[in-house]
Structure formats: structure tokens, C-alpha cells
Protein backbone atom coordinates (compact mmCIF):
# COMPACT_ATOMS: atom_id res chain seq x y z
CA MET A 1 180.79 35.99 -118.73
CA GLY A 2 181.22 34.89 -114.84
CA ALA A 3 182.77 38.58 -114.39
CA LEU A 4 179.37 39.97 -115.64
CA LEU A 5 176.95 37.40 -114.33
CA LEU A 6 178.60 38.50 -110.78
CA ALA A 7 178.47 42.12 -111.65
CA ILE A 8 174.88 42.11 -112.32
CA MET A 9 174.23 39.97 -109.29
CA LEU A 10 175.49 42.21 -106.78
CA LEU A 11 174.06 45.10 -108.78
CA LEU A 12 171.16 43.67 -108.22
CA LEU A 13 171.36 42.62 -104.73
CA ALA A 14 172.61 46.21 -103.69
CA GLY A 15 169.28 48.05 -105.07
CA GLY A 16 167.62 45.83 -102.76
CA VAL A 17 166.16 43.22 -105.17
CA TRP A 18 165.07 40.33 -103.45
CA ILE A 19 167.88 37.33 -103.27
CA ALA A 20 165.52 34.71 -104.61
CA MET A 21 164.70 36.95 -107.69
CA THR A 22 168.22 38.17 -108.09
CA LEU A 23 169.38 34.43 -108.53
CA ALA A 24 166.53 33.71 -111.03
CA ILE A 25 167.49 37.03 -113.32
CA VAL A 26 170.83 36.18 -113.00
CA GLY A 27 170.42 32.66 -114.75
CA TRP A 28 167.59 33.92 -117.23
CA VAL A 29 170.26 36.25 -118.20
CA GLY A 30 173.42 33.72 -118.37
CA GLN A 31 171.19 30.98 -120.26
CA ALA A 32 169.61 33.78 -122.68
CA PHE A 33 172.83 35.40 -123.81
CA PHE A 34 175.19 32.64 -123.69
CA THR A 35 173.59 29.35 -124.03
CA ASN A 36 171.13 27.78 -126.91
CA THR A 37 168.70 26.61 -124.42
CA LEU A 38 165.08 27.81 -123.55
CA PRO A 39 165.53 29.84 -120.14
CA GLY A 40 161.89 29.72 -119.73
CA LYS A 41 161.51 25.53 -120.15
CA ASN A 42 164.18 25.25 -117.45
CA LEU A 43 162.99 27.85 -114.90
CA PHE A 44 160.13 25.53 -114.20
CA SER A 45 161.97 22.43 -114.09
CA ALA A 46 164.07 23.47 -111.50
CA PHE A 47 161.78 25.72 -109.18
CA TRP A 48 159.47 22.41 -109.58
CA GLU A 49 162.29 19.80 -108.93
CA SER A 50 164.35 22.09 -106.45
CA ASN A 51 161.19 22.15 -104.04
CA ALA A 52 159.42 18.65 -104.85
CA SER A 53 161.98 16.88 -102.49
CA TRP A 54 161.46 14.40 -99.55
CA GLU A 55 164.20 15.40 -98.13
CA LEU A 56 163.11 19.17 -98.33
CA ALA A 57 159.83 18.37 -96.12
CA ALA A 58 162.15 18.29 -92.93
CA LEU A 59 162.91 21.85 -93.04
CA PRO A 60 159.55 23.09 -92.38
CA LEU A 61 158.97 20.45 -89.74
CA PHE A 62 161.87 21.71 -87.95
CA ILE A 63 161.32 24.99 -88.06
CA TRP A 64 157.80 24.44 -86.90
CA MET A 65 159.11 22.66 -84.08
CA GLY A 66 161.47 25.47 -83.15
CA GLU A 67 158.34 27.91 -83.17
CA ILE A 68 156.78 25.95 -80.87
CA LEU A 69 159.27 25.55 -78.44
CA PHE A 70 159.70 29.46 -78.79
CA ARG A 71 156.50 30.05 -77.76
CA THR A 72 155.91 27.92 -74.81
CA LYS A 73 157.50 28.11 -71.41
CA LEU A 74 160.02 24.90 -72.14
CA SER A 75 162.97 27.08 -72.56
CA GLU A 76 162.74 28.68 -69.44
CA GLU A 77 162.22 24.96 -68.00
CA MET A 78 165.51 24.40 -69.58
CA PHE A 79 167.11 27.10 -68.12
CA GLU A 80 165.74 26.75 -64.44
CA GLY A 81 167.13 22.99 -64.48
CA LEU A 82 170.70 23.74 -65.93
CA ARG A 83 171.08 26.68 -63.20
CA PRO A 84 172.11 24.35 -59.86
CA TRP A 85 174.78 22.79 -60.90
CA LEU A 86 176.74 25.62 -62.34
CA ASN A 87 177.10 27.43 -58.85
CA ARG A 88 180.91 26.51 -58.16
CA VAL A 89 181.96 26.52 -61.83
CA PRO A 90 184.43 29.85 -62.31
CA GLY A 91 181.63 32.24 -64.22
CA ARG A 92 178.56 30.22 -62.46
CA LEU A 93 175.48 31.24 -63.40
CA MET A 94 177.18 33.03 -67.29
CA HIS A 95 177.88 29.37 -68.21
CA THR A 96 173.94 29.12 -68.91
CA THR A 97 173.79 30.85 -72.12
CA ILE A 98 176.42 28.51 -73.20
CA LEU A 99 174.15 25.39 -72.12
CA GLY A 100 170.77 26.64 -72.74
CA CYS A 101 171.67 27.78 -76.55
CA GLY A 102 173.41 24.21 -76.77
CA VAL A 103 170.63 22.51 -75.52
CA PHE A 104 167.53 24.43 -77.21
CA GLY A 105 169.99 24.96 -80.11
CA SER A 106 169.53 21.12 -80.61
CA VAL A 107 166.03 20.53 -80.68
CA SER A 108 165.12 24.28 -82.45
CA GLY A 109 167.61 24.34 -85.80
CA SER A 110 167.26 27.93 -85.68
CA SER A 111 170.30 30.37 -84.18
CA ALA A 112 167.43 33.33 -84.19
CA ALA A 113 164.91 31.15 -82.08
CA THR A 114 167.72 29.76 -80.06
CA CYS A 115 169.34 33.54 -79.04
CA ALA A 116 165.87 34.73 -78.76
CA THR A 117 164.18 32.32 -76.49
CA ILE A 118 167.86 32.13 -73.95
CA ALA A 119 168.31 35.74 -74.15
CA LYS A 120 164.74 36.20 -72.69
CA VAL A 121 165.36 34.00 -69.79
CA ALA A 122 168.82 34.69 -69.14
CA LEU A 123 169.64 37.81 -69.62
CA PRO A 124 167.08 39.90 -66.84
CA GLU A 125 168.57 36.90 -64.27
CA LEU A 126 172.09 37.69 -65.15
CA LYS A 127 171.08 41.43 -65.05
CA ARG A 128 169.19 41.14 -61.80
CA ARG A 129 172.12 38.90 -60.03
CA GLY A 130 174.72 41.01 -60.69
CA TYR A 131 176.50 39.56 -63.84
CA ASN A 132 178.98 41.41 -66.13
CA GLU A 133 175.95 42.55 -69.30
CA LYS A 134 178.73 43.05 -71.97
CA LEU A 135 179.69 39.54 -71.14
CA ALA A 136 176.08 38.15 -71.07
CA ILE A 137 175.26 39.74 -74.32
CA GLY A 138 178.72 39.09 -75.94
CA SER A 139 178.47 35.25 -75.10
CA LEU A 140 174.44 35.33 -75.86
CA ALA A 141 175.22 36.52 -79.27
CA THR A 142 177.64 34.02 -80.64
CA ALA A 143 176.16 31.08 -78.61
CA GLY A 144 172.79 31.52 -80.23
CA THR A 145 174.72 30.18 -83.23
CA LEU A 146 175.06 26.52 -82.40
CA GLY A 147 171.60 26.49 -83.03
CA ILE A 148 172.53 25.67 -86.68
CA LEU A 149 175.26 23.74 -85.93
CA ILE A 150 174.17 21.17 -83.34
CA PRO A 151 171.64 18.71 -85.38
CA PRO A 152 168.76 19.04 -86.07
CA SER A 153 169.94 22.27 -88.19
CA ILE A 154 167.66 24.31 -90.73
CA THR A 155 171.06 25.17 -92.67
CA MET A 156 172.65 21.58 -92.22
CA VAL A 157 169.69 20.49 -94.31
CA VAL A 158 169.86 23.15 -96.64
CA TYR A 159 173.22 22.24 -97.54
CA ALA A 160 172.75 18.78 -97.69
CA VAL A 161 170.38 19.26 -100.88
CA ALA A 162 172.63 21.54 -102.13
CA ALA A 163 175.13 19.34 -102.12
CA ASP A 164 173.33 16.55 -102.75
CA ALA A 165 175.23 14.69 -99.33
CA SER A 166 173.87 12.86 -96.94
CA ILE A 167 171.29 14.47 -94.19
CA ILE A 168 172.29 12.26 -91.82
CA ARG A 169 175.77 12.25 -92.04
CA ILE A 170 175.70 15.94 -91.96
CA PHE A 171 174.13 15.68 -88.77
CA LEU A 172 176.07 13.39 -87.29
CA ALA A 173 179.51 15.62 -88.22
CA GLY A 174 177.96 18.58 -86.27
CA PHE A 175 177.95 17.11 -82.64
CA LEU A 176 181.63 17.00 -82.13
CA PRO A 177 182.47 20.56 -83.68
CA GLY A 178 179.26 21.84 -81.44
CA LEU A 179 181.04 20.62 -78.41
CA LEU A 180 184.11 21.61 -78.76
CA LEU A 181 182.45 25.33 -79.72
CA MET A 182 180.58 25.18 -76.28
CA VAL A 183 184.05 24.01 -74.91
CA LEU A 184 185.84 26.83 -76.02
CA PHE A 185 182.95 29.49 -75.37
CA SER A 186 182.76 28.34 -71.79
CA GLY A 187 186.51 28.37 -71.36
CA TYR A 188 187.10 32.00 -72.74
CA ILE A 189 184.26 32.69 -69.99
CA GLY A 190 185.68 30.69 -67.26
CA TRP A 191 189.07 32.30 -67.96
CA TRP A 192 187.74 36.09 -67.96
CA SER A 193 186.10 35.50 -64.62
CA LEU A 194 189.10 34.72 -62.90
CA ARG A 195 190.74 37.68 -64.34
CA ASN A 196 187.85 39.39 -63.08
CA PRO A 197 186.83 38.52 -59.58
CA GLY A 198 185.31 41.54 -58.82
CA GLN A 199 183.02 41.17 -61.45
CA VAL A 200 181.29 38.13 -61.02
CA PRO A 201 179.14 38.20 -58.11
CA PRO A 202 179.51 35.57 -55.10
CA ALA A 203 177.90 31.74 -55.05
CA ASP A 204 174.75 31.20 -54.29
CA PRO A 205 173.91 29.29 -51.15
CA PRO A 206 175.08 25.44 -51.39
CA THR A 207 172.23 23.39 -52.80
CA THR A 208 171.76 19.62 -51.70
CA PHE A 209 172.12 17.04 -54.42
CA MET A 210 168.18 16.23 -54.09
CA GLU A 211 167.36 19.88 -54.29
CA LYS A 212 169.59 19.94 -57.59
CA ILE A 213 167.90 16.75 -58.99
CA ARG A 214 164.46 18.28 -58.52
CA LEU A 215 164.98 21.42 -60.36
CA SER A 216 166.51 19.18 -63.03
CA GLY A 217 163.09 17.64 -63.71
CA ASN A 218 162.86 20.63 -65.89
CA LEU A 219 165.24 19.36 -68.21
CA ILE A 220 163.18 16.00 -68.34
CA PRO A 221 160.84 16.79 -70.92
CA CYS A 222 162.88 18.59 -73.83
CA ALA A 223 166.03 15.95 -72.94
CA LEU A 224 163.36 13.47 -73.60
CA LEU A 225 162.48 14.57 -77.20
CA ILE A 226 166.15 15.23 -77.86
CA VAL A 227 166.87 11.88 -76.84
CA PHE A 228 164.42 9.93 -79.03
CA ILE A 229 164.77 12.24 -82.37
CA VAL A 230 168.76 11.61 -82.17
CA TRP A 231 168.06 7.75 -81.42
CA VAL A 232 165.34 7.11 -84.20
CA LEU A 233 167.89 8.77 -86.66
CA VAL A 234 171.06 7.10 -85.56
CA ALA A 235 168.94 3.47 -85.05
CA GLY A 236 168.24 3.87 -88.57
CA TRP A 237 164.47 3.38 -87.56
CA ALA A 238 163.53 7.19 -89.58
CA THR A 239 164.81 9.51 -92.04
CA ALA A 240 165.75 12.84 -91.28
CA THR A 241 162.10 14.30 -92.64
CA GLU A 242 160.76 11.56 -90.42
CA CYS A 243 162.68 12.58 -87.10
CA ALA A 244 161.11 15.82 -87.69
CA ALA A 245 157.80 15.15 -87.63
CA PHE A 246 158.30 13.37 -84.59
CA GLY A 247 160.23 16.22 -83.09
CA VAL A 248 156.94 18.33 -84.23
CA LEU A 249 154.73 16.05 -82.74
CA GLY A 250 156.56 15.56 -79.46
CA SER A 251 157.33 19.31 -78.99
CA LEU A 252 153.38 19.71 -79.47
CA ALA A 253 152.90 17.15 -76.58
CA ILE A 254 154.83 18.13 -73.97
CA ALA A 255 153.70 21.98 -74.54
CA ALA A 256 150.19 20.90 -74.33
CA TRP A 257 150.88 18.61 -71.15
CA GLY A 258 152.54 21.91 -69.73
CA ARG A 259 149.66 23.31 -70.49
CA SER A 260 151.75 25.96 -72.26
CA LEU A 261 150.01 25.29 -75.64
CA THR A 262 147.48 27.98 -76.66
CA TRP A 263 145.57 28.40 -79.91
CA LYS A 264 147.38 31.59 -80.40
CA ASN A 265 151.30 30.43 -79.75
CA PHE A 266 149.89 27.47 -82.15
CA LYS A 267 148.93 29.81 -84.61
CA ASP A 268 151.32 32.00 -84.37
CA GLY A 269 153.75 29.46 -84.65
CA ILE A 270 152.67 27.91 -87.76
CA MET A 271 152.37 31.40 -89.50
CA GLY A 272 156.13 31.54 -88.37
CA ALA A 273 157.02 28.35 -89.71
CA THR A 274 155.09 29.27 -92.94
CA ARG A 275 156.97 32.19 -93.75
CA THR A 276 160.26 31.01 -92.98
CA SER A 277 159.70 28.32 -94.94
CA CYS A 278 158.71 29.70 -97.97
CA MET A 279 161.34 32.20 -97.79
CA ILE A 280 163.98 30.10 -97.71
CA MET A 281 162.25 27.73 -100.46
CA PHE A 282 161.94 30.79 -102.61
CA ILE A 283 165.39 30.98 -102.76
CA LEU A 284 166.36 27.20 -103.03
CA ALA A 285 164.18 27.60 -106.63
CA GLY A 286 166.32 30.95 -107.40
CA ALA A 287 169.65 28.80 -106.56
CA ALA A 288 168.52 25.81 -108.22
CA PHE A 289 167.99 27.65 -111.41
CA LEU A 290 171.00 29.39 -111.77
CA THR A 291 172.67 26.46 -111.00
CA LYS A 292 171.03 24.84 -114.41
CA THR A 293 172.98 28.15 -115.92
CA MET A 294 175.69 27.47 -114.38
CA ALA A 295 175.70 23.83 -115.57
CA PHE A 296 175.13 25.08 -119.09
CA THR A 297 177.99 27.38 -119.12
CA GLY A 298 180.61 25.29 -117.99
CA ILE A 299 181.71 27.78 -115.31
CA PRO A 300 182.23 25.49 -112.33
CA ARG A 301 184.11 23.57 -114.40
CA GLU A 302 186.31 26.06 -115.71
CA LEU A 303 186.65 27.33 -112.14
CA ALA A 304 187.99 23.66 -111.07
CA GLU A 305 190.07 23.88 -113.98
CA TRP A 306 191.52 27.13 -113.01
CA VAL A 307 192.26 26.32 -109.45
CA ASP A 308 193.82 23.41 -110.24
CA SER A 309 195.96 25.16 -112.81
CA MET A 310 196.79 27.29 -109.66
CA HIS A 311 198.53 24.41 -107.66
CA LEU A 312 196.69 25.90 -104.42
CA SER A 313 197.67 24.11 -101.26
CA PRO A 314 194.74 22.50 -99.31
CA TYR A 315 195.37 25.04 -96.56
CA ALA A 316 195.56 28.17 -99.56
CA LEU A 317 192.49 27.06 -101.03
CA ILE A 318 190.45 27.11 -97.26
CA GLY A 319 192.27 30.37 -96.63
CA ALA A 320 190.67 32.38 -99.47
CA LEU A 321 187.14 30.89 -99.15
CA VAL A 322 187.45 32.17 -95.40
CA LEU A 323 187.81 35.27 -96.71
CA VAL A 324 185.28 35.27 -99.35
CA TYR A 325 182.69 34.01 -96.77
CA LEU A 326 184.13 36.67 -94.19
CA VAL A 327 183.39 39.07 -97.06
CA LEU A 328 179.86 37.87 -97.97
CA GLY A 329 178.89 37.55 -94.23
CA THR A 330 179.19 41.17 -93.95
CA ALA A 331 175.88 41.41 -96.19
CA LEU A 332 174.19 38.21 -96.69
CA ASP A 333 172.64 35.61 -93.63
CA GLY A 334 173.49 31.97 -93.83
CA ILE A 335 171.50 30.12 -96.14
CA SER A 336 171.89 32.71 -98.66
CA MET A 337 175.68 32.28 -98.83
CA ILE A 338 175.14 28.33 -98.80
CA VAL A 339 172.69 29.17 -101.78
CA LEU A 340 174.67 31.67 -103.93
CA THR A 341 177.94 30.08 -103.59
CA SER A 342 177.11 26.26 -103.93
CA ALA A 343 176.87 25.85 -107.48
CA VAL A 344 180.61 27.50 -107.63
CA VAL A 345 181.97 26.37 -104.70
CA LEU A 346 181.37 22.98 -104.24
CA PRO A 347 183.02 21.55 -107.30
CA MET A 348 185.95 23.67 -106.92
CA ILE A 349 185.94 21.82 -103.22
CA GLN A 350 185.19 18.48 -105.19
CA LYS A 351 188.28 18.71 -107.12
CA ALA A 352 190.58 20.02 -104.92
CA GLY A 353 189.70 16.67 -102.97
CA PHE A 354 187.67 17.92 -99.88
CA ASP A 355 185.04 15.94 -98.23
CA LEU A 356 182.07 17.23 -98.62
CA ILE A 357 180.75 16.32 -94.88
CA TRP A 358 183.52 18.37 -93.79
CA PHE A 359 183.12 21.06 -96.02
CA GLY A 360 179.28 21.33 -94.42
CA ILE A 361 180.55 21.81 -91.00
CA PHE A 362 182.99 24.56 -92.34
CA ILE A 363 180.88 26.89 -94.15
CA VAL A 364 178.09 26.15 -91.37
CA LEU A 365 180.87 27.54 -88.69
CA LEU A 366 181.57 30.32 -91.37
CA VAL A 367 177.47 31.11 -91.57
CA GLU A 368 177.57 31.24 -87.57
CA ILE A 369 179.99 34.12 -87.72
CA ALA A 370 178.24 35.45 -90.45
CA GLU A 371 175.13 35.59 -87.68
CA VAL A 372 177.27 38.31 -85.54
CA THR A 373 179.03 40.18 -88.08
CA PRO A 374 177.56 43.67 -88.92
CA PRO A 375 175.83 45.06 -91.05
CA VAL A 376 173.61 41.85 -91.85
CA GLY A 377 173.79 39.84 -88.47
CA PHE A 378 170.66 38.02 -87.90
CA ASN A 379 171.49 37.69 -84.00
CA LEU A 380 172.83 40.82 -83.95
CA PHE A 381 169.16 42.63 -84.74
CA VAL A 382 167.85 40.08 -82.29
CA LEU A 383 169.50 41.06 -79.15
CA GLN A 384 169.20 44.63 -80.50
CA ASN A 385 165.19 44.11 -80.38
CA MET A 386 165.93 42.67 -76.97
CA THR A 387 168.33 45.16 -75.08
CA GLY A 388 167.80 48.44 -77.27
CA LYS A 389 171.67 48.36 -77.48
CA ASP A 390 172.95 49.40 -81.03
CA SER A 391 173.66 46.41 -82.91
CA ASN A 392 177.36 47.71 -83.53
CA VAL A 393 178.04 47.83 -79.47
CA ILE A 394 176.69 43.92 -79.59
CA ALA A 395 179.14 42.75 -82.33
CA LYS A 396 182.12 44.71 -80.24
CA ALA A 397 181.32 42.30 -77.20
CA ALA A 398 180.87 39.10 -79.40
CA ILE A 399 184.54 40.30 -80.37
CA PRO A 400 186.18 37.71 -77.75
CA PHE A 401 183.45 34.93 -78.40
CA PHE A 402 184.11 35.63 -82.68
CA PHE A 403 187.61 34.27 -81.97
CA CYS A 404 186.73 31.63 -80.48
CA LEU A 405 184.80 30.45 -83.45
CA VAL A 406 187.77 31.18 -85.92
CA LEU A 407 189.88 28.59 -83.62
CA CYS A 408 187.00 25.87 -83.64
CA ILE A 409 187.47 26.27 -87.23
CA VAL A 410 191.42 26.46 -87.73
CA LEU A 411 190.81 23.04 -85.12
CA ILE A 412 188.79 21.40 -87.77
CA THR A 413 190.56 22.54 -90.67
CA LEU A 414 194.42 21.38 -88.77
CA PHE A 415 192.12 17.79 -87.76
CA PRO A 416 189.69 16.98 -89.74
CA SER A 417 188.92 13.79 -88.00
CA ILE A 418 187.09 15.94 -85.26
CA VAL A 419 183.85 16.31 -88.35
CA THR A 420 184.42 12.72 -90.22
CA ILE A 421 184.75 10.51 -87.13
CA LEU A 422 181.34 10.58 -85.79
CA PRO A 423 179.64 9.49 -88.85
CA ASP A 424 182.02 7.13 -90.02
CA VAL A 425 181.97 5.17 -86.57
CA VAL A 426 178.14 5.44 -86.74
CA MET A 427 177.47 4.74 -90.45
CA GLY A 428 180.53 3.40 -91.63
CA ARG A 429 183.54 5.39 -94.64
CA GLU A 430 181.87 6.36 -97.62
CA LYS A 431 183.34 4.59 -100.23
């Protein structure tokens, strides 16, 4: 039964049918032919239940916040504030791609928006100063994925809803892995720069400490917004959805105060957020209907029992899932990967004894790899449009940073406390 439904799904996806429609059609076939339930009634209930969610209300708000920052000059000011502090570090201004993506990613929650925004600012400046273009493009393609790992993250919200997990715990769990990944990316840039000193421009004239402080004033607006959102979230003064609303209000206020908010970019931001939100919610609704089908047919339970009967070690199961998601990442976007597999994979993970919060970060890292994996890699498409280079050329430039992502997955698997320690300290251990 599972093989037949999987074959139908792959056939529909290969035929170009929308992912949301594919999920709903497969769910309908499963209920109509393999259960005694009424698929029509369950279809409407699944669509309503999946979208009538207070937690999911954070999704369009976080998307809108990212759109506002993307369409104003706030991102450019952030880059200018980071630049003077990196003059004496091996790799110098090349690190601004990593730090800029990390800072902007923490307030946008979107990989594509992070990549596009920092690329617009960083690539012309790095090219003008004579930095290695291949290294710059590769670092931007992968560092842009920090937008979905460092909270707030749209992908994390989708996973939390799919797994019925705490959004706040997922957010807290992403901080240390995000910092670790930034260190790995910057470490490779520093190592490459030391190995290739002739391809790194000479340092700029020394800047006084007061001048650095003055230029760092550009970081203050977005830094305050980040600190405020994180503080009210951790302190328990607001839910994740309320924090998203504060983020939208704060980004609008900062953009208006900086005189970069116009009616045009305000309207474009709303329309962009609406289109993206509707697409994601449509996919979630289709996935919810397929989840009901899985529950009626008993496929997740059978899969979990089958995995249990194989007596796979935890590392063997993780290795198998890595291979599955790497294959899916060549054809699907990250959110689709989560909603397509959650109904089957999450019961298996629970049966194997893994922590759902840890697995959330694990799957987000795999989604990051999918963002830079051809033929369907969103960040590759973003940089292709901005640089005019083929997506395969960009993917090749990102290979060293791709292995940094793989190393990060290995480290959090060997040392899961990297993920779980912060939410446990802040909110206490889950019982």
C-alpha cells in the first residue's frame, strides 16, 4: 500500500502537479481505496484544522517582517556596521558574508531573502576590492541558509506545527548550531585566506576605535529589534506569534524612521508575504490530509514497527535519513521535504527514541543542504539571477561550505547537547 501511494506521489510530482495538490490527491486515493472512511469529509476537516492554528499565525508575520527588511536599506546599513571590525582578521571583508547572513537571518527567517539581501550589498563591494569571486559566491550560497537555522525561522515554525512541538524550544535549540555553523564557515574562509595570501587584497588603513564605534551605529536599529524579539520570547512575555507581530511592527518603525519605507515597498512587501504564506499554507493543508490518510491506513505504525524489528542502531537510522533527505533535496524545497515526510518519519524517530527538538534542528540542517543542491536549490537560483552565472557553477563554488554543513550535522549527532542544552537551561527539561 505504501509503495503504491509513493509511486503515485512520485508520478504526480514528476508530471509537474503542484505539491499541495499531489499530497491531497494521494491522501484521497489512500482513503478511497484502502479505508472505509469518507475522504471528502476528512479533506475539508484537514484543510480547516491545519490552517486554523494560532501558532501558524506566526508564519505570515515572520515572512512579512523579512519582506520589509529585504525591501528597505536596513540590510545595507548592517553590512556597513560590520565591515570595520574585520580588517585584521584572515579573510577580512569576506567574513561579512557570514556575519551579515547570520545577523539578517536572525530577523528575516527566510533563506532566499537572506541570500539575496546580503548578496546585493556584499558581492559588488567584494568584487570592487579584488576579493576572490568564487569564494564570495560559495560563501553567500551557503551562509544564506542561516536564515532558516537562526531563529526566528519559517522552516522551524512549519516543523513545529507538523511535529506538534514547542515553537519556542525549537527556536532556542537553533542558536548554538547556528553559531557553530558560522564558526565553521568563517574558519574555512580564514584557512583558505592563509593558504592563498596572494588572492586576498591588502588590509585597509587602520581605523580608530571611535570611528569603528561610529560606523557600528548602523547596527543599532536591527540589533535592538533582534534583542527585543529574543528577550520577550525567552522571558515568556509573549508567544512566538506575538513576537512575530512585534517584529513586523518594529521593522516598519525602523524603516519609517530611516525614511526608507515607501508605499511601493510597503505594498510589494505585503503582496510578497501573502503569496509565500498562501503557498506554504496550501502545502500544509495537503500534508494534513495525507497525514489523516496515514493514520487511517496505519502505515506510520507499520513503518515504525518495521524499523524497530530491524534493530538499527541510532547512527544507522540517522545515516539512512541523511541519504533520504539528500536525495529529496535534489528535487524539493525544504518546507516540502518536511511536510512530505513528517507523517512517516516522525513516528519512526519517536519509536527510535530520538528527541523531536533535536530532530527538528537535524532536519533544518538537511534542508539547508537542499537549498544549495542542484537542480532545485533556491539559493542557487537567487545567486544565478544576481550574478548571471550558471547554477551548477555556483553549486561547485559552494562545495567546501557544503562539507561544513555536513560536519555540523556530524557534530550535533555525536554531541546532541549542542542542540538541547539551551532550551533545557532556559525552559527546563521536558518530562
